[in-house]
Amino acid sequence: MDQVEITFLLNGVTQRRMVQPNRVLIDLLRGEFGLLGTKLGCDQAVCGACTVLADGDPVAACATFAFEIDGREVRTIEGLSEDKLHPVQQAFVDNAAFQCGYCTPGMILLAAALLDREPDPDEATIRNWLSANICRCTGYKMIVEAVQQAAAAGRGRGRAK
């Protein structure tokens, strides 16, 4: 099978790879880069466990072909923070907003994308965004509270980063 050359920014580092046209992003991230924070859940773009950010937008890595990220910036949970936890990550810790942790990376990235767009979302907006990801362990109360805390931490700076 022919391969396609792609170049993209992954967690701030330029990457160049040859990929088969049918290779999905999650396989590239986990297999070639060892970024295991991106989880494979339903493999049908329904559960949100595989959520990553492409140019700041949440995408399902299980349903995104690797060639589709050519020229784009991809951020995974491993690249969300630099020297300390991102405010959303810290808020998840502070609010015990996870149990098994399987959905947590996708939830955190989804919440970070929301706060980048809407620094002070109301509870209905938070719940609407989080509905794209399924948590089978905790329910959503503590997750919503974590996003609210992260929003409060970002107030006055314009962004949650």
C-alpha atoms as a PDB file:
ATOM      1  CA  MET A   1       0.000   0.000   0.000  1.00  0.00           C
ATOM      2  CA  ASP A   2       1.277   3.473  -0.814  1.00  0.00           C
ATOM      3  CA  GLN A   3       2.242   5.793   1.979  1.00  0.00           C
ATOM      4  CA  VAL A   4       1.604   9.490   2.439  1.00  0.00           C
ATOM      5  CA  GLU A   5       4.096  11.902   3.948  1.00  0.00           C
ATOM      6  CA  ILE A   6       2.709  14.125   6.678  1.00  0.00           C
ATOM      7  CA  THR A   7       4.274  16.900   8.708  1.00  0.00           C
ATOM      8  CA  PHE A   8       2.594  18.179  11.838  1.00  0.00           C
ATOM      9  CA  LEU A   9       3.292  19.746  15.204  1.00  0.00           C
ATOM     10  CA  LEU A  10       2.865  17.257  18.052  1.00  0.00           C
ATOM     11  CA  ASN A  11       2.892  18.739  21.535  1.00  0.00           C
ATOM     12  CA  GLY A  12       5.053  21.574  20.268  1.00  0.00           C
ATOM     13  CA  VAL A  13       7.544  19.477  18.270  1.00  0.00           C
ATOM     14  CA  THR A  14       7.529  19.213  14.474  1.00  0.00           C
ATOM     15  CA  GLN A  15       7.101  15.635  13.304  1.00  0.00           C
ATOM     16  CA  ARG A  16       7.408  14.120   9.834  1.00  0.00           C
ATOM     17  CA  ARG A  17       6.133  10.641   9.126  1.00  0.00           C
ATOM     18  CA  MET A  18       5.193   8.345   6.285  1.00  0.00           C
ATOM     19  CA  VAL A  19       1.773   6.833   6.985  1.00  0.00           C
ATOM     20  CA  GLN A  20      -0.556   4.467   5.220  1.00  0.00           C
ATOM     21  CA  PRO A  21      -3.711   6.227   4.026  1.00  0.00           C
ATOM     22  CA  ASN A  22      -5.900   4.044   6.259  1.00  0.00           C
ATOM     23  CA  ARG A  23      -3.918   4.596   9.467  1.00  0.00           C
ATOM     24  CA  VAL A  24      -5.850   6.388  12.175  1.00  0.00           C
ATOM     25  CA  LEU A  25      -4.390   9.041  14.434  1.00  0.00           C
ATOM     26  CA  ILE A  26      -4.698   7.058  17.665  1.00  0.00           C
ATOM     27  CA  ASP A  27      -2.559   4.260  16.223  1.00  0.00           C
ATOM     28  CA  LEU A  28       0.092   6.783  15.206  1.00  0.00           C
ATOM     29  CA  LEU A  29       0.099   8.509  18.608  1.00  0.00           C
ATOM     30  CA  ARG A  30       0.191   5.340  20.670  1.00  0.00           C
ATOM     31  CA  GLY A  31       2.253   3.141  18.337  1.00  0.00           C
ATOM     32  CA  GLU A  32       4.923   5.467  17.007  1.00  0.00           C
ATOM     33  CA  PHE A  33       5.134   8.096  19.723  1.00  0.00           C
ATOM     34  CA  GLY A  34       4.259   6.043  22.811  1.00  0.00           C
ATOM     35  CA  LEU A  35       1.646   8.593  23.895  1.00  0.00           C
ATOM     36  CA  LEU A  36      -0.512   6.249  25.904  1.00  0.00           C
ATOM     37  CA  GLY A  37      -2.697   8.933  27.491  1.00  0.00           C
ATOM     38  CA  THR A  38      -4.896   8.840  24.411  1.00  0.00           C
ATOM     39  CA  LYS A  39      -7.171   5.883  25.115  1.00  0.00           C
ATOM     40  CA  LEU A  40      -9.054   3.673  22.684  1.00  0.00           C
ATOM     41  CA  GLY A  41     -12.555   3.148  24.033  1.00  0.00           C
ATOM     42  CA  CYS A  42     -15.393   2.462  21.636  1.00  0.00           C
ATOM     43  CA  ASP A  43     -13.379   2.781  18.394  1.00  0.00           C
ATOM     44  CA  GLN A  44     -16.426   4.510  16.852  1.00  0.00           C
ATOM     45  CA  ALA A  45     -15.934   8.185  17.877  1.00  0.00           C
ATOM     46  CA  VAL A  46     -18.718   7.979  20.471  1.00  0.00           C
ATOM     47  CA  CYS A  47     -17.134   7.701  23.935  1.00  0.00           C
ATOM     48  CA  GLY A  48     -14.524  10.479  23.808  1.00  0.00           C
ATOM     49  CA  ALA A  49     -11.694   8.519  25.444  1.00  0.00           C
ATOM     50  CA  CYS A  50      -9.510   9.165  22.392  1.00  0.00           C
ATOM     51  CA  THR A  51     -10.066  12.943  22.326  1.00  0.00           C
ATOM     52  CA  VAL A  52      -7.055  15.026  21.327  1.00  0.00           C
ATOM     53  CA  LEU A  53      -6.844  18.624  20.150  1.00  0.00           C
ATOM     54  CA  ALA A  54      -6.120  19.436  16.501  1.00  0.00           C
ATOM     55  CA  ASP A  55      -5.536  23.168  16.059  1.00  0.00           C
ATOM     56  CA  GLY A  56      -7.291  23.568  19.397  1.00  0.00           C
ATOM     57  CA  ASP A  57     -10.416  21.669  18.343  1.00  0.00           C
ATOM     58  CA  PRO A  58     -11.394  18.379  20.000  1.00  0.00           C
ATOM     59  CA  VAL A  59     -11.207  15.448  17.584  1.00  0.00           C
ATOM     60  CA  ALA A  60     -11.721  11.722  17.982  1.00  0.00           C
ATOM     61  CA  ALA A  61      -8.321  10.192  17.301  1.00  0.00           C
ATOM     62  CA  CYS A  62      -9.924   6.809  16.606  1.00  0.00           C
ATOM     63  CA  ALA A  63     -11.872   8.248  13.662  1.00  0.00           C
ATOM     64  CA  THR A  64      -9.341  10.739  12.309  1.00  0.00           C
ATOM     65  CA  PHE A  65      -7.004   9.472   9.633  1.00  0.00           C
ATOM     66  CA  ALA A  66      -3.372  10.327  10.284  1.00  0.00           C
ATOM     67  CA  PHE A  67      -3.088  12.087   6.916  1.00  0.00           C
ATOM     68  CA  GLU A  68      -5.805  14.523   8.049  1.00  0.00           C
ATOM     69  CA  ILE A  69      -3.410  16.093  10.564  1.00  0.00           C
ATOM     70  CA  ASP A  70      -0.897  17.089   7.902  1.00  0.00           C
ATOM     71  CA  GLY A  71       0.016  20.729   8.533  1.00  0.00           C
ATOM     72  CA  ARG A  72      -1.897  20.878  11.811  1.00  0.00           C
ATOM     73  CA  GLU A  73      -0.997  21.172  15.477  1.00  0.00           C
ATOM     74  CA  VAL A  74      -1.932  18.170  17.622  1.00  0.00           C
ATOM     75  CA  ARG A  75      -1.960  18.336  21.401  1.00  0.00           C
ATOM     76  CA  THR A  76      -2.363  15.270  23.588  1.00  0.00           C
ATOM     77  CA  ILE A  77      -2.735  15.058  27.346  1.00  0.00           C
ATOM     78  CA  GLU A  78       1.036  14.592  27.593  1.00  0.00           C
ATOM     79  CA  GLY A  79       1.579  17.967  25.929  1.00  0.00           C
ATOM     80  CA  LEU A  80      -1.102  19.980  27.698  1.00  0.00           C
ATOM     81  CA  SER A  81       1.158  21.300  30.435  1.00  0.00           C
ATOM     82  CA  GLU A  82       4.794  22.235  30.523  1.00  0.00           C
ATOM     83  CA  ASP A  83       6.349  22.910  33.916  1.00  0.00           C
ATOM     84  CA  LYS A  84       3.262  22.481  36.105  1.00  0.00           C
ATOM     85  CA  LEU A  85      -0.223  21.047  35.768  1.00  0.00           C
ATOM     86  CA  HIS A  86      -2.626  22.851  33.451  1.00  0.00           C
ATOM     87  CA  PRO A  87      -5.430  24.538  35.463  1.00  0.00           C
ATOM     88  CA  VAL A  88      -7.907  21.900  34.250  1.00  0.00           C
ATOM     89  CA  GLN A  89      -5.584  19.082  35.308  1.00  0.00           C
ATOM     90  CA  GLN A  90      -5.101  20.683  38.720  1.00  0.00           C
ATOM     91  CA  ALA A  91      -8.840  21.179  39.125  1.00  0.00           C
ATOM     92  CA  PHE A  92      -9.469  17.499  38.318  1.00  0.00           C
ATOM     93  CA  VAL A  93      -6.999  16.541  41.052  1.00  0.00           C
ATOM     94  CA  ASP A  94      -8.457  19.038  43.538  1.00  0.00           C
ATOM     95  CA  ASN A  95     -12.024  17.827  42.918  1.00  0.00           C
ATOM     96  CA  ALA A  96     -11.257  14.088  42.666  1.00  0.00           C
ATOM     97  CA  ALA A  97     -12.931  14.262  39.256  1.00  0.00           C
ATOM     98  CA  PHE A  98     -11.832  10.807  38.155  1.00  0.00           C
ATOM     99  CA  GLN A  99     -11.856   7.227  39.331  1.00  0.00           C
ATOM    100  CA  CYS A 100     -10.524   4.714  36.842  1.00  0.00           C
ATOM    101  CA  GLY A 101      -8.987   7.510  34.771  1.00  0.00           C
ATOM    102  CA  TYR A 102      -9.807   6.015  31.395  1.00  0.00           C
ATOM    103  CA  CYS A 103     -11.940   8.941  30.222  1.00  0.00           C
ATOM    104  CA  THR A 104      -9.924  11.552  32.121  1.00  0.00           C
ATOM    105  CA  PRO A 105      -7.404  12.605  29.422  1.00  0.00           C
ATOM    106  CA  GLY A 106     -10.178  13.160  26.893  1.00  0.00           C
ATOM    107  CA  MET A 107     -12.320  14.998  29.447  1.00  0.00           C
ATOM    108  CA  ILE A 108      -9.437  17.272  30.406  1.00  0.00           C
ATOM    109  CA  LEU A 109      -8.615  18.117  26.787  1.00  0.00           C
ATOM    110  CA  LEU A 110     -12.276  18.732  26.020  1.00  0.00           C
ATOM    111  CA  ALA A 111     -12.586  21.038  29.045  1.00  0.00           C
ATOM    112  CA  ALA A 112      -9.389  22.894  28.105  1.00  0.00           C
ATOM    113  CA  ALA A 113     -10.754  23.483  24.597  1.00  0.00           C
ATOM    114  CA  LEU A 114     -14.015  24.772  26.070  1.00  0.00           C
ATOM    115  CA  LEU A 115     -12.222  27.190  28.391  1.00  0.00           C
ATOM    116  CA  ASP A 116     -10.060  28.449  25.544  1.00  0.00           C
ATOM    117  CA  ARG A 117     -13.275  29.422  23.724  1.00  0.00           C
ATOM    118  CA  GLU A 118     -15.424  30.388  26.673  1.00  0.00           C
ATOM    119  CA  PRO A 119     -13.376  31.382  29.745  1.00  0.00           C
ATOM    120  CA  ASP A 120     -16.438  31.653  31.994  1.00  0.00           C
ATOM    121  CA  PRO A 121     -18.987  29.037  30.864  1.00  0.00           C
ATOM    122  CA  ASP A 122     -22.191  28.438  32.763  1.00  0.00           C
ATOM    123  CA  GLU A 123     -23.025  24.958  34.065  1.00  0.00           C
ATOM    124  CA  ALA A 124     -25.321  24.169  31.121  1.00  0.00           C
ATOM    125  CA  THR A 125     -22.528  24.957  28.648  1.00  0.00           C
ATOM    126  CA  ILE A 126     -20.053  22.816  30.588  1.00  0.00           C
ATOM    127  CA  ARG A 127     -22.496  19.898  30.699  1.00  0.00           C
ATOM    128  CA  ASN A 128     -23.240  20.288  26.991  1.00  0.00           C
ATOM    129  CA  TRP A 129     -19.531  20.118  26.121  1.00  0.00           C
ATOM    130  CA  LEU A 130     -18.869  17.219  28.469  1.00  0.00           C
ATOM    131  CA  SER A 131     -21.727  15.255  26.939  1.00  0.00           C
ATOM    132  CA  ALA A 132     -19.340  14.407  24.101  1.00  0.00           C
ATOM    133  CA  ASN A 133     -17.364  12.181  26.485  1.00  0.00           C
ATOM    134  CA  ILE A 134     -18.679   9.255  28.475  1.00  0.00           C
ATOM    135  CA  CYS A 135     -17.626   8.616  32.060  1.00  0.00           C
ATOM    136  CA  ARG A 136     -18.821   5.297  33.398  1.00  0.00           C
ATOM    137  CA  CYS A 137     -17.371   5.674  36.904  1.00  0.00           C
ATOM    138  CA  THR A 138     -17.892   9.026  38.592  1.00  0.00           C
ATOM    139  CA  GLY A 139     -20.890  10.631  37.033  1.00  0.00           C
ATOM    140  CA  TYR A 140     -20.345  14.221  36.092  1.00  0.00           C
ATOM    141  CA  LYS A 141     -20.846  16.284  39.258  1.00  0.00           C
ATOM    142  CA  MET A 142     -17.173  16.391  40.265  1.00  0.00           C
ATOM    143  CA  ILE A 143     -16.067  16.808  36.656  1.00  0.00           C
ATOM    144  CA  VAL A 144     -18.360  19.826  36.217  1.00  0.00           C
ATOM    145  CA  GLU A 145     -17.055  21.260  39.494  1.00  0.00           C
ATOM    146  CA  ALA A 146     -13.492  20.787  38.269  1.00  0.00           C
ATOM    147  CA  VAL A 147     -14.213  22.687  35.063  1.00  0.00           C
ATOM    148  CA  GLN A 148     -15.866  25.456  37.080  1.00  0.00           C
ATOM    149  CA  GLN A 149     -12.782  25.661  39.315  1.00  0.00           C
ATOM    150  CA  ALA A 150     -10.470  25.808  36.306  1.00  0.00           C
ATOM    151  CA  ALA A 151     -12.611  28.564  34.794  1.00  0.00           C
ATOM    152  CA  ALA A 152     -12.413  30.527  38.046  1.00  0.00           C
ATOM    153  CA  ALA A 153      -8.620  30.066  38.109  1.00  0.00           C
ATOM    154  CA  GLY A 154      -8.381  31.478  34.581  1.00  0.00           C
ATOM    155  CA  ARG A 155     -10.526  34.552  35.172  1.00  0.00           C
ATOM    156  CA  GLY A 156      -8.644  37.775  34.735  1.00  0.00           C
ATOM    157  CA  ARG A 157      -6.107  36.206  32.393  1.00  0.00           C
ATOM    158  CA  GLY A 158      -8.473  35.749  29.456  1.00  0.00           C
ATOM    159  CA  ARG A 159      -7.603  32.086  28.938  1.00  0.00           C
ATOM    160  CA  ALA A 160      -7.457  28.950  31.029  1.00  0.00           C
ATOM    161  CA  LYS A 161      -3.837  28.257  30.095  1.00  0.00           C
END
